[in-house]
């Protein structure tokens, strides 16, 4: 495996400034990840007495969960280290997507492991990697699919269908999946026949057969890929975790006014610096969800001294909610603004690995940490990668194209190449014909218009029809000429679909299993073994 650094903009201006011009966004964050002294500073802050979950109970809960997923011995060794008060954590997370979701999930897990390894070496103390599965999220349509590139050069969407209407909007961790067979068959049909295919499908079928939810299936796949590297998995909606979160939910409820004021302040500060806030800030938000008796996840809003849902159809007494926190903490869930502080309460977070959008919305949370007597951790940009397969690389070399040509001017370069192949000069010759026709025809138009002004309109309509017929013949002739280059055009299409599917970054579309099917799993292990590299964040990986 060869990694070639490649600087590329994500289009997220705040995250770009965080990575390249930190002084512009310094007021939004506590630590400058580009300053190596930040590691010691953050570790020293964590060593102070602070508001946090019971470490022993946390480890016991994580042991139960990781055991259920069948995680590897190395992850349990990391959990044993987490028992020790000097052990710190690098954390990052994602929603539980079908077949692990898009490639960026794999890159985030790899970055977490790399960062934990490097921090441990630098600080001379144990630092373990934790992957936070956002199982409390309820948007099933956002995570129930995965994309692959078929041998027929089609970007295929594989989708997990529920056998019954979903009904209430409950968390993904509470949504039972009755049948995995159709999604597995879709994946089977989309993959090439390779030496790796049968064992991969067998692994998937085994994991699916043991999984009741998409979150559990996701966790089993992540344990299989990364457990050997000591990655600890945590489901944010796990009952054991919820029990530990009770004191923090109490604090968030009791300080809901100050917390939301801090959110609004962060939103305004991001705006003042000239960026578009990446998360909603509502003047009456309580920044918490509650699960109703039917399992529906409802976002809470303040209405006077009470709390309500968005439409004010349900009303909750704050004292009642505090009693529920004490006895039924599993009824509560964080929103995007309070998840960072809950994460920091549960874990001794040295650093959090984030994507560009996450870096942007975390910029709104500094005051939220502070109003709760906490401190924002170090934020590490996750690695961004583009996988370059050998066949695609050869095609690009044949056409003399660069990665920039593909990503930023594909159509322009393709059309230029086609023009160069046009030995008959069709475009030029048809342009000449249209020009010559107009030169001959327009004097006639002037003549007939002088006979009868009404003839002018008829003549112009006739002119347009003739031009359209010439252009029709030009289009058909061009298509026939291009058919002679069908193989080359197919190669160009393969380049485009491999590197820029659906007009988006490869890592945000394709699923890892099509690459595991071609190259096995060794390349993932090799990726994890690479040293942490944050400048530049993006690299081309030559497979």
Protein backbone atom coordinates (compact mmCIF):
# COMPACT_ATOMS: atom_id res chain seq x y z
CA UNK A 1 0.00 0.00 0.00
CA UNK A 2 1.30 3.42 -0.96
CA UNK A 3 -0.11 6.63 0.54
CA UNK A 4 0.45 9.88 -1.31
CA UNK A 5 -0.46 13.11 0.53
CA UNK A 6 -2.97 15.16 -1.40
CA UNK A 7 -4.42 18.45 -0.22
CA UNK A 8 -8.07 18.79 -1.09
CA UNK A 9 -10.81 21.13 0.09
CA UNK A 10 -13.87 19.57 1.70
CA UNK A 11 -16.04 22.59 0.97
CA UNK A 12 -16.57 23.10 4.72
CA UNK A 13 -15.02 26.53 5.26
CA UNK A 14 -14.86 26.44 9.07
CA UNK A 15 -13.19 23.02 9.07
CA UNK A 16 -10.76 24.17 6.37
CA UNK A 17 -9.77 27.14 8.51
CA UNK A 18 -9.44 24.86 11.54
CA UNK A 19 -6.95 22.73 9.59
CA UNK A 20 -5.00 25.48 7.80
CA UNK A 21 -5.67 28.84 9.48
CA UNK A 22 -6.36 27.99 13.11
CA UNK A 23 -5.85 31.56 14.28
CA UNK A 24 -9.11 32.52 12.52
CA UNK A 25 -11.18 30.08 14.61
CA UNK A 26 -9.14 30.04 17.82
CA UNK A 27 -11.97 31.52 19.90
CA UNK A 28 -14.27 28.57 19.07
CA UNK A 29 -11.94 25.87 20.40
CA UNK A 30 -9.81 25.29 23.48
CA UNK A 31 -6.85 23.39 22.05
CA UNK A 32 -4.81 23.84 18.89
CA UNK A 33 -4.17 20.29 17.69
CA UNK A 34 -1.22 21.57 15.63
CA UNK A 35 0.57 22.58 18.87
CA UNK A 36 2.14 19.44 20.37
CA UNK A 37 2.00 20.86 23.90
CA UNK A 38 -1.80 20.54 23.84
CA UNK A 39 -1.57 16.81 24.66
CA UNK A 40 0.18 17.39 27.95
CA UNK A 41 -2.13 20.31 28.79
CA UNK A 42 -5.30 18.31 28.19
CA UNK A 43 -3.96 15.28 30.08
CA UNK A 44 -3.13 17.50 33.05
CA UNK A 45 -6.64 18.94 33.05
CA UNK A 46 -8.16 15.44 32.98
CA UNK A 47 -6.02 14.41 35.96
CA UNK A 48 -7.77 17.00 38.09
CA UNK A 49 -10.86 16.06 40.09
CA UNK A 50 -13.80 16.49 37.73
CA UNK A 51 -17.47 15.63 37.22
CA UNK A 52 -17.41 12.21 35.54
CA UNK A 53 -19.03 8.78 35.45
CA UNK A 54 -17.91 5.94 37.68
CA UNK A 55 -14.93 4.42 35.82
CA UNK A 56 -15.37 0.91 37.23
CA UNK A 57 -19.05 0.72 36.31
CA UNK A 58 -18.28 2.12 32.87
CA UNK A 59 -15.71 -0.60 32.20
CA UNK A 60 -18.08 -3.33 33.43
CA UNK A 61 -20.79 -2.05 31.09
CA UNK A 62 -18.39 -1.88 28.13
CA UNK A 63 -17.11 -5.39 28.85
CA UNK A 64 -20.66 -6.74 28.70
CA UNK A 65 -21.39 -4.92 25.45
CA UNK A 66 -18.14 -5.85 23.70
CA UNK A 67 -18.51 -9.45 24.83
CA UNK A 68 -21.97 -9.52 23.25
CA UNK A 69 -20.45 -8.30 19.98
CA UNK A 70 -17.73 -10.94 20.07
CA UNK A 71 -14.96 -8.36 20.13
CA UNK A 72 -11.34 -9.51 20.08
CA UNK A 73 -9.10 -10.11 23.12
CA UNK A 74 -7.10 -6.96 22.33
CA UNK A 75 -10.19 -4.84 22.95
CA UNK A 76 -10.65 -6.41 26.38
CA UNK A 77 -6.98 -5.73 27.15
CA UNK A 78 -7.72 -2.08 26.32
CA UNK A 79 -10.74 -2.21 28.63
CA UNK A 80 -8.59 -3.55 31.44
CA UNK A 81 -6.28 -0.59 30.88
CA UNK A 82 -9.30 1.74 31.05
CA UNK A 83 -9.87 0.63 34.64
CA UNK A 84 -6.70 2.46 35.62
CA UNK A 85 -7.18 6.13 36.58
CA UNK A 86 -4.21 7.26 34.47
CA UNK A 87 -5.69 5.83 31.25
CA UNK A 88 -7.11 8.31 28.74
CA UNK A 89 -9.25 7.89 25.64
CA UNK A 90 -9.30 8.92 21.99
CA UNK A 91 -12.92 8.75 20.86
CA UNK A 92 -14.85 9.22 17.65
CA UNK A 93 -18.18 7.97 16.44
CA UNK A 94 -20.74 7.54 13.73
CA UNK A 95 -24.25 6.29 13.15
CA UNK A 96 -24.61 2.55 12.57
CA UNK A 97 -24.85 2.17 8.79
CA UNK A 98 -25.67 -0.90 6.72
CA UNK A 99 -22.54 -3.04 6.16
CA UNK A 100 -20.66 -0.33 8.17
CA UNK A 101 -21.95 2.49 5.94
CA UNK A 102 -19.65 4.68 3.80
CA UNK A 103 -15.86 4.33 3.70
CA UNK A 104 -15.37 7.37 5.92
CA UNK A 105 -16.48 5.23 8.89
CA UNK A 106 -13.52 2.92 8.27
CA UNK A 107 -11.15 5.88 8.02
CA UNK A 108 -12.51 7.37 11.24
CA UNK A 109 -11.92 4.12 13.15
CA UNK A 110 -8.39 3.91 11.74
CA UNK A 111 -7.68 7.52 12.78
CA UNK A 112 -8.94 6.85 16.32
CA UNK A 113 -6.60 3.87 16.70
CA UNK A 114 -3.64 5.75 15.18
CA UNK A 115 -4.22 8.78 17.42
CA UNK A 116 -4.50 6.65 20.57
CA UNK A 117 -1.27 4.85 19.73
CA UNK A 118 0.60 8.10 19.06
CA UNK A 119 -0.76 9.85 22.17
CA UNK A 120 0.21 6.91 24.35
CA UNK A 121 3.77 7.02 23.01
CA UNK A 122 4.01 10.78 23.46
CA UNK A 123 2.52 10.95 26.96
CA UNK A 124 4.11 7.71 28.22
CA UNK A 125 0.77 6.59 29.64
CA UNK A 126 -2.04 4.35 28.36
CA UNK A 127 -4.43 5.89 25.84
CA UNK A 128 -7.11 3.59 24.40
CA UNK A 129 -9.31 3.95 21.29
CA UNK A 130 -13.10 4.05 21.65
CA UNK A 131 -15.65 4.07 18.83
CA UNK A 132 -18.93 5.71 19.86
CA UNK A 133 -21.81 4.14 17.94
CA UNK A 134 -24.60 6.73 17.81
CA UNK A 135 -27.31 4.14 18.37
CA UNK A 136 -29.66 6.69 19.93
CA UNK A 137 -30.22 8.43 16.56
CA UNK A 138 -33.60 7.70 15.00
CA UNK A 139 -33.25 8.50 11.28
CA UNK A 140 -33.51 5.00 9.81
CA UNK A 141 -33.60 6.25 6.20
CA UNK A 142 -30.20 7.86 6.73
CA UNK A 143 -28.47 4.59 7.67
CA UNK A 144 -30.43 1.76 6.02
CA UNK A 145 -28.43 1.67 2.79
CA UNK A 146 -24.97 1.29 1.28
CA UNK A 147 -23.56 1.95 -2.20
CA UNK A 148 -21.36 -0.27 -4.35
CA UNK A 149 -20.03 -0.01 -7.90
CA UNK A 150 -21.20 -3.01 -9.88
CA UNK A 151 -19.16 -4.76 -12.62
CA UNK A 152 -21.62 -3.16 -15.08
CA UNK A 153 -20.43 0.29 -13.90
CA UNK A 154 -23.63 1.11 -12.05
CA UNK A 155 -23.64 2.83 -8.66
CA UNK A 156 -26.03 0.50 -6.89
CA UNK A 157 -27.90 1.39 -3.72
CA UNK A 158 -28.30 -1.61 -1.43
CA UNK A 159 -31.17 -1.06 0.95
CA UNK A 160 -32.37 -2.71 4.14
CA UNK A 161 -36.16 -2.80 4.10
CA UNK A 162 -38.36 -3.26 7.15
CA UNK A 163 -40.97 -5.97 6.80
CA UNK A 164 -43.45 -3.74 8.57
CA UNK A 165 -44.05 0.02 8.65
CA UNK A 166 -41.56 1.64 11.00
CA UNK A 167 -44.25 3.56 12.87
CA UNK A 168 -42.81 5.69 15.63
CA UNK A 169 -39.41 7.35 15.28
CA UNK A 170 -37.40 5.34 17.76
CA UNK A 171 -33.64 4.94 18.05
CA UNK A 172 -31.82 2.61 15.66
CA UNK A 173 -30.64 0.55 18.64
CA UNK A 174 -34.28 -0.14 19.59
CA UNK A 175 -35.52 -0.98 16.11
CA UNK A 176 -35.67 -4.75 15.63
CA UNK A 177 -34.70 -6.10 12.21
CA UNK A 178 -36.57 -9.29 11.34
CA UNK A 179 -34.92 -10.18 8.05
CA UNK A 180 -31.41 -9.51 6.72
CA UNK A 181 -31.65 -11.90 3.77
CA UNK A 182 -32.72 -9.45 1.09
CA UNK A 183 -29.96 -6.93 1.89
CA UNK A 184 -27.36 -9.72 1.95
CA UNK A 185 -28.59 -11.01 -1.42
CA UNK A 186 -28.35 -7.51 -2.88
CA UNK A 187 -24.73 -7.30 -1.73
CA UNK A 188 -23.98 -10.77 -3.08
CA UNK A 189 -25.35 -9.84 -6.51
CA UNK A 190 -23.40 -6.57 -6.65
CA UNK A 191 -19.99 -8.09 -5.93
CA UNK A 192 -17.53 -9.67 -8.35
CA UNK A 193 -16.72 -13.34 -7.87
CA UNK A 194 -13.34 -13.34 -6.12
CA UNK A 195 -11.38 -15.56 -3.74
CA UNK A 196 -12.55 -13.37 -0.84
CA UNK A 197 -16.26 -13.28 -1.64
CA UNK A 198 -17.48 -16.53 -0.04
CA UNK A 199 -15.72 -15.98 3.33
CA UNK A 200 -16.90 -12.38 3.44
CA UNK A 201 -20.52 -13.31 2.84
CA UNK A 202 -20.22 -16.11 5.38
CA UNK A 203 -18.92 -13.63 7.96
CA UNK A 204 -21.76 -11.22 7.19
CA UNK A 205 -24.43 -13.91 7.37
CA UNK A 206 -23.07 -15.15 10.69
CA UNK A 207 -23.04 -11.63 12.15
CA UNK A 208 -26.53 -10.87 10.82
CA UNK A 209 -27.89 -14.10 12.28
CA UNK A 210 -26.68 -13.03 15.72
CA UNK A 211 -27.91 -9.44 15.44
CA UNK A 212 -31.36 -8.14 16.38
CA UNK A 213 -30.70 -4.53 15.36
CA UNK A 214 -28.71 -2.60 12.77
CA UNK A 215 -26.58 -1.18 15.58
CA UNK A 216 -25.64 -4.66 16.75
CA UNK A 217 -24.86 -5.79 13.19
CA UNK A 218 -22.70 -2.69 12.70
CA UNK A 219 -20.91 -3.31 15.99
CA UNK A 220 -20.10 -6.91 15.07
CA UNK A 221 -18.61 -5.80 11.76
CA UNK A 222 -16.52 -3.09 13.42
CA UNK A 223 -15.32 -5.57 16.05
CA UNK A 224 -14.30 -7.99 13.29
CA UNK A 225 -12.35 -5.33 11.40
CA UNK A 226 -10.81 -3.39 14.29
CA UNK A 227 -11.05 -5.43 17.49
CA UNK A 228 -7.58 -6.89 16.88
CA UNK A 229 -6.25 -3.33 17.10
CA UNK A 230 -7.79 -2.80 20.54
CA UNK A 231 -10.80 -0.75 19.45
CA UNK A 232 -13.43 -0.55 22.20
CA UNK A 233 -17.02 -0.22 20.98
CA UNK A 234 -19.71 1.75 22.81
CA UNK A 235 -23.40 2.02 21.91
CA UNK A 236 -24.77 5.33 23.15
CA UNK A 237 -28.20 3.74 23.66
CA UNK A 238 -26.97 0.72 25.61
CA UNK A 239 -28.94 0.27 28.83
CA UNK A 240 -25.80 0.03 30.96
CA UNK A 241 -24.46 3.28 29.51
CA UNK A 242 -27.81 5.02 30.04
CA UNK A 243 -27.75 4.11 33.72
CA UNK A 244 -24.36 5.77 34.09
CA UNK A 245 -25.56 8.89 32.27
CA UNK A 246 -28.28 9.67 34.83
CA UNK A 247 -26.30 12.29 36.84
CA UNK A 248 -25.37 14.11 33.65
CA UNK A 249 -28.97 14.15 32.41
CA UNK A 250 -29.92 15.61 35.78
CA UNK A 251 -27.35 18.38 35.39
CA UNK A 252 -28.49 19.10 31.82
CA UNK A 253 -32.11 19.37 32.95
CA UNK A 254 -31.31 21.55 35.94
CA UNK A 255 -29.14 23.88 33.85
CA UNK A 256 -31.22 23.72 30.66
CA UNK A 257 -31.57 27.52 30.49
CA UNK A 258 -27.84 28.15 30.82
CA UNK A 259 -27.00 25.31 28.43
CA UNK A 260 -29.26 26.61 25.68
CA UNK A 261 -28.01 30.14 26.22
CA UNK A 262 -24.51 28.76 25.65
CA UNK A 263 -25.68 26.99 22.46
CA UNK A 264 -27.23 30.22 21.14
CA UNK A 265 -24.08 32.12 22.07
CA UNK A 266 -21.96 29.60 20.16
CA UNK A 267 -24.28 29.84 17.16
CA UNK A 268 -23.97 33.63 17.14
CA UNK A 269 -20.20 33.50 17.51
CA UNK A 270 -19.87 31.16 14.51
CA UNK A 271 -22.03 33.57 12.50
CA UNK A 272 -19.97 36.60 13.59
CA UNK A 273 -16.83 34.92 12.34
CA UNK A 274 -18.44 34.58 8.91
CA UNK A 275 -19.34 30.88 8.88
CA UNK A 276 -22.65 29.08 8.43
CA UNK A 277 -23.58 27.20 11.64
CA UNK A 278 -23.83 23.46 11.02
CA UNK A 279 -26.47 22.74 13.64
CA UNK A 280 -29.83 24.22 14.54
CA UNK A 281 -30.06 26.47 17.60
CA UNK A 282 -33.62 27.04 18.81
CA UNK A 283 -34.29 29.74 21.44
CA UNK A 284 -36.45 27.34 23.48
CA UNK A 285 -34.59 24.05 22.99
CA UNK A 286 -33.83 21.88 26.00
CA UNK A 287 -31.22 20.02 23.90
CA UNK A 288 -32.49 16.64 25.09
CA UNK A 289 -34.76 13.91 23.76
CA UNK A 290 -37.15 11.76 25.72
CA UNK A 291 -38.49 8.34 24.73
CA UNK A 292 -42.26 8.06 25.03
CA UNK A 293 -43.95 4.86 26.24
CA UNK A 294 -44.42 3.76 22.62
CA UNK A 295 -40.69 4.22 21.93
CA UNK A 296 -40.95 7.49 20.00
CA UNK A 297 -37.93 9.78 20.47
CA UNK A 298 -39.20 13.29 21.13
CA UNK A 299 -37.07 16.45 21.21
CA UNK A 300 -37.86 18.65 24.23
CA UNK A 301 -38.52 22.41 24.17
CA UNK A 302 -39.00 24.88 27.00
CA UNK A 303 -42.42 26.48 27.34
CA UNK A 304 -42.42 28.62 30.45
CA UNK A 305 -41.52 26.32 33.33
CA UNK A 306 -42.75 23.24 31.48
CA UNK A 307 -41.19 21.25 28.67
CA UNK A 308 -43.07 20.20 25.53
CA UNK A 309 -42.57 18.58 22.15
CA UNK A 310 -42.15 20.80 19.08
CA UNK A 311 -45.91 21.02 18.42
CA UNK A 312 -46.73 21.42 22.12
CA UNK A 313 -48.99 18.38 22.00
CA UNK A 314 -47.20 16.76 24.94
CA UNK A 315 -46.28 18.55 28.14
CA UNK A 316 -43.78 17.47 30.79
CA UNK A 317 -43.26 18.75 34.32
CA UNK A 318 -39.53 19.29 35.05
CA UNK A 319 -39.84 17.62 38.44
CA UNK A 320 -41.38 14.56 36.82
CA UNK A 321 -38.52 14.43 34.31
CA UNK A 322 -35.97 14.59 37.13
CA UNK A 323 -37.68 11.66 38.83
CA UNK A 324 -37.56 9.71 35.57
CA UNK A 325 -33.83 10.44 35.28
CA UNK A 326 -33.32 8.89 38.70
CA UNK A 327 -35.33 5.75 38.00
CA UNK A 328 -35.53 5.45 34.19
CA UNK A 329 -32.46 7.15 32.66
CA UNK A 330 -32.97 5.01 29.53
CA UNK A 331 -35.87 7.33 28.68
CA UNK A 332 -33.44 10.17 27.91
CA UNK A 333 -31.15 10.88 25.01
CA UNK A 334 -28.84 13.69 23.92
CA UNK A 335 -29.15 15.92 20.91
CA UNK A 336 -26.20 16.97 18.78
CA UNK A 337 -25.31 19.88 21.09
CA UNK A 338 -25.21 17.89 24.34
CA UNK A 339 -23.72 14.66 22.99
CA UNK A 340 -20.15 16.08 23.18
CA UNK A 341 -20.48 16.89 26.90
CA UNK A 342 -22.10 13.54 27.65
CA UNK A 343 -19.22 11.83 25.87
CA UNK A 344 -16.76 13.80 27.99
CA UNK A 345 -18.66 12.93 31.17
CA UNK A 346 -18.57 9.19 30.44
CA UNK A 347 -15.00 8.97 29.18
CA UNK A 348 -11.66 10.62 30.01
CA UNK A 349 -11.49 12.10 26.52
CA UNK A 350 -8.01 13.27 25.59
CA UNK A 351 -9.11 13.90 22.00
CA UNK A 352 -12.11 13.44 19.72
CA UNK A 353 -11.69 12.41 16.06
CA UNK A 354 -14.14 14.38 13.91
CA UNK A 355 -15.10 14.83 10.28
CA UNK A 356 -15.31 18.31 8.69
CA UNK A 357 -19.00 18.84 9.51
CA UNK A 358 -18.48 17.70 13.10
CA UNK A 359 -15.55 20.07 13.58
CA UNK A 360 -17.85 22.85 12.38
CA UNK A 361 -20.75 22.14 14.75
CA UNK A 362 -18.46 21.42 17.71
CA UNK A 363 -17.40 25.03 17.23
CA UNK A 364 -20.77 25.94 18.76
CA UNK A 365 -20.19 23.91 21.96
CA UNK A 366 -17.24 25.50 23.76
CA UNK A 367 -19.52 27.54 26.05
CA UNK A 368 -21.71 24.47 26.67
CA UNK A 369 -18.71 22.67 28.14
CA UNK A 370 -17.77 25.70 30.22
CA UNK A 371 -21.23 26.37 31.67
CA UNK A 372 -21.21 22.77 32.95
CA UNK A 373 -17.76 23.12 34.50
CA UNK A 374 -16.18 21.01 31.76
CA UNK A 375 -13.66 21.60 29.00
CA UNK A 376 -13.74 20.86 25.26
CA UNK A 377 -11.14 18.18 24.38
CA UNK A 378 -8.57 18.25 21.60
CA UNK A 379 -10.28 17.87 18.22
CA UNK A 380 -8.47 15.78 15.62
CA UNK A 381 -9.56 15.83 11.96
CA UNK A 382 -10.19 12.29 10.78
CA UNK A 383 -8.10 11.01 7.89
CA UNK A 384 -9.67 11.59 4.47
CA UNK A 385 -8.70 9.06 1.81
CA UNK A 386 -9.32 8.28 -1.84
CA UNK A 387 -8.70 4.66 -2.86
CA UNK A 388 -6.93 4.43 -6.22
CA UNK A 389 -7.22 0.99 -7.74
CA UNK A 390 -4.50 -0.18 -10.15
CA UNK A 391 -6.85 -0.40 -13.13
CA UNK A 392 -8.11 3.13 -12.59
CA UNK A 393 -4.56 4.42 -12.21
CA UNK A 394 -3.55 2.79 -15.52
CA UNK A 395 -6.54 4.30 -17.31
CA UNK A 396 -5.64 7.75 -15.98
CA UNK A 397 -2.03 7.34 -17.11
CA UNK A 398 -3.24 6.27 -20.56
CA UNK A 399 -5.23 9.49 -20.95
CA UNK A 400 -2.60 11.59 -19.21
CA UNK A 401 -5.06 12.76 -16.57
CA UNK A 402 -4.32 13.90 -13.02
CA UNK A 403 -6.52 13.45 -9.96
CA UNK A 404 -7.44 17.14 -10.27
CA UNK A 405 -8.64 16.53 -13.83
CA UNK A 406 -11.04 13.86 -12.58
CA UNK A 407 -12.30 15.70 -9.51
CA UNK A 408 -12.62 19.21 -10.89
CA UNK A 409 -12.85 19.15 -14.71
CA UNK A 410 -13.91 15.70 -15.81
CA UNK A 411 -16.48 16.75 -18.42
CA UNK A 412 -14.16 19.40 -19.83
CA UNK A 413 -11.31 16.90 -20.21
CA UNK A 414 -13.58 14.22 -21.64
CA UNK A 415 -14.99 16.58 -24.28
CA UNK A 416 -11.50 17.76 -25.13
CA UNK A 417 -10.38 14.18 -25.64
CA UNK A 418 -13.37 13.42 -27.87
CA UNK A 419 -12.65 16.46 -30.01
CA UNK A 420 -9.09 15.26 -30.42
CA UNK A 421 -10.38 11.90 -31.68
CA UNK A 422 -12.64 13.53 -34.26
CA UNK A 423 -10.55 13.02 -37.39
CA UNK A 424 -13.53 13.95 -39.55
CA UNK A 425 -13.81 17.36 -37.84
CA UNK A 426 -17.57 16.87 -37.53
CA UNK A 427 -18.15 19.72 -35.12
CA UNK A 428 -16.22 22.14 -37.31
CA UNK A 429 -17.82 20.97 -40.58
CA UNK A 430 -21.38 21.10 -39.25
CA UNK A 431 -20.69 24.60 -37.88
CA UNK A 432 -19.57 25.62 -41.37
CA UNK A 433 -22.71 24.14 -42.94
CA UNK A 434 -24.96 26.06 -40.53
CA UNK A 435 -23.05 29.28 -41.17
CA UNK A 436 -23.19 28.83 -44.96
CA UNK A 437 -26.89 28.00 -44.84
CA UNK A 438 -27.64 31.15 -42.85
CA UNK A 439 -25.62 33.26 -45.29
CA UNK A 440 -27.67 31.93 -48.22
CA UNK A 441 -31.02 31.87 -46.46
CA UNK A 442 -31.21 35.24 -44.74
CA UNK A 443 -31.21 37.32 -47.95
CA UNK A 444 -34.20 35.23 -49.02
CA UNK A 445 -35.90 36.05 -45.71
CA UNK A 446 -35.41 39.74 -46.35
CA UNK A 447 -36.87 39.34 -49.85
CA UNK A 448 -40.03 37.50 -48.78
CA UNK A 449 -40.52 39.96 -45.90
CA UNK A 450 -40.51 42.80 -48.38
CA UNK A 451 -43.31 41.08 -50.34
CA UNK A 452 -45.46 40.51 -47.28
CA UNK A 453 -44.40 41.35 -43.69
CA UNK A 454 -46.34 38.31 -42.46
CA UNK A 455 -43.97 36.05 -44.39
CA UNK A 456 -41.06 37.06 -42.11
CA UNK A 457 -42.38 35.03 -39.17
CA UNK A 458 -43.01 31.99 -41.38
CA UNK A 459 -39.51 32.28 -42.87
CA UNK A 460 -37.84 32.43 -39.45
CA UNK A 461 -39.78 29.38 -38.28
CA UNK A 462 -38.69 27.54 -41.42
CA UNK A 463 -35.07 28.59 -40.78
CA UNK A 464 -35.22 27.20 -37.24
CA UNK A 465 -36.60 23.85 -38.47
CA UNK A 466 -33.77 23.48 -40.98
CA UNK A 467 -31.15 24.33 -38.32
CA UNK A 468 -32.73 21.76 -35.99
CA UNK A 469 -32.52 19.11 -38.71
CA UNK A 470 -28.85 19.91 -39.31
CA UNK A 471 -28.18 19.68 -35.56
CA UNK A 472 -30.10 16.41 -35.36
CA UNK A 473 -27.86 14.94 -38.05
CA UNK A 474 -24.81 16.37 -36.23
CA UNK A 475 -25.84 14.68 -32.96
CA UNK A 476 -26.45 11.31 -34.64
CA UNK A 477 -23.18 11.56 -36.56
CA UNK A 478 -21.26 12.45 -33.39
CA UNK A 479 -22.82 9.50 -31.54
CA UNK A 480 -21.91 7.14 -34.37
CA UNK A 481 -18.36 8.47 -34.40
CA UNK A 482 -18.04 8.18 -30.62
CA UNK A 483 -19.26 4.58 -30.77
CA UNK A 484 -15.92 3.77 -32.35
CA UNK A 485 -14.33 4.78 -29.03
CA UNK A 486 -16.70 2.82 -26.80
CA UNK A 487 -13.94 0.99 -24.92
CA UNK A 488 -12.10 4.23 -24.16
CA UNK A 489 -15.30 5.96 -23.06
CA UNK A 490 -16.04 3.05 -20.75
CA UNK A 491 -12.59 3.46 -19.22
CA UNK A 492 -13.28 7.16 -18.67
CA UNK A 493 -16.59 6.31 -17.04
CA UNK A 494 -14.86 3.83 -14.75
CA UNK A 495 -12.43 6.55 -13.69
CA UNK A 496 -15.29 8.93 -12.92
CA UNK A 497 -17.44 6.44 -11.06
CA UNK A 498 -14.48 5.13 -9.06
CA UNK A 499 -13.24 8.50 -7.84
CA UNK A 500 -16.29 10.78 -7.97
CA UNK A 501 -19.46 8.66 -7.69
CA UNK A 502 -22.74 10.56 -7.80
CA UNK A 503 -20.66 13.73 -8.03
CA UNK A 504 -19.47 13.26 -4.43
CA UNK A 505 -16.29 12.21 -2.63
CA UNK A 506 -15.65 8.47 -2.91
CA UNK A 507 -15.41 8.10 0.89
CA UNK A 508 -18.91 9.52 1.36
CA UNK A 509 -20.58 7.10 -1.07
CA UNK A 510 -19.02 3.67 -1.40
CA UNK A 511 -19.10 0.90 1.16
CA UNK A 512 -15.95 -0.94 2.22
CA UNK A 513 -17.17 -4.42 1.28
CA UNK A 514 -16.62 -4.05 -2.46
CA UNK A 515 -12.94 -3.31 -1.66
CA UNK A 516 -12.71 -6.11 0.90
CA UNK A 517 -14.11 -8.40 -1.79
CA UNK A 518 -11.33 -7.44 -4.22
CA UNK A 519 -8.36 -7.06 -1.89
CA UNK A 520 -9.20 -8.89 1.34
CA UNK A 521 -8.81 -7.27 4.78
CA UNK A 522 -5.03 -6.89 4.93
CA UNK A 523 -5.15 -3.40 3.45
CA UNK A 524 -7.35 -2.22 6.34
CA UNK A 525 -4.82 -3.55 8.86
CA UNK A 526 -2.01 -1.90 6.89
CA UNK A 527 -3.94 1.37 6.93
CA UNK A 528 -4.35 1.18 10.71
CA UNK A 529 -0.64 0.49 11.12
CA UNK A 530 0.29 3.77 9.40
CA UNK A 531 1.48 6.60 11.68
CA UNK A 532 -1.02 9.36 12.39
CA UNK A 533 -0.83 12.11 9.78
CA UNK A 534 -2.96 15.25 10.07
CA UNK A 535 -1.22 17.53 7.57
CA UNK A 536 -2.39 17.08 4.98
CA UNK A 537 -5.43 15.19 6.18
CA UNK A 538 -6.22 13.79 2.73
CA UNK A 539 -4.19 11.08 0.97
CA UNK A 540 -4.47 8.97 -2.17
CA UNK A 541 -4.18 5.28 -1.30
CA UNK A 542 -2.78 3.20 -4.16
CA UNK A 543 -4.22 -0.29 -3.82
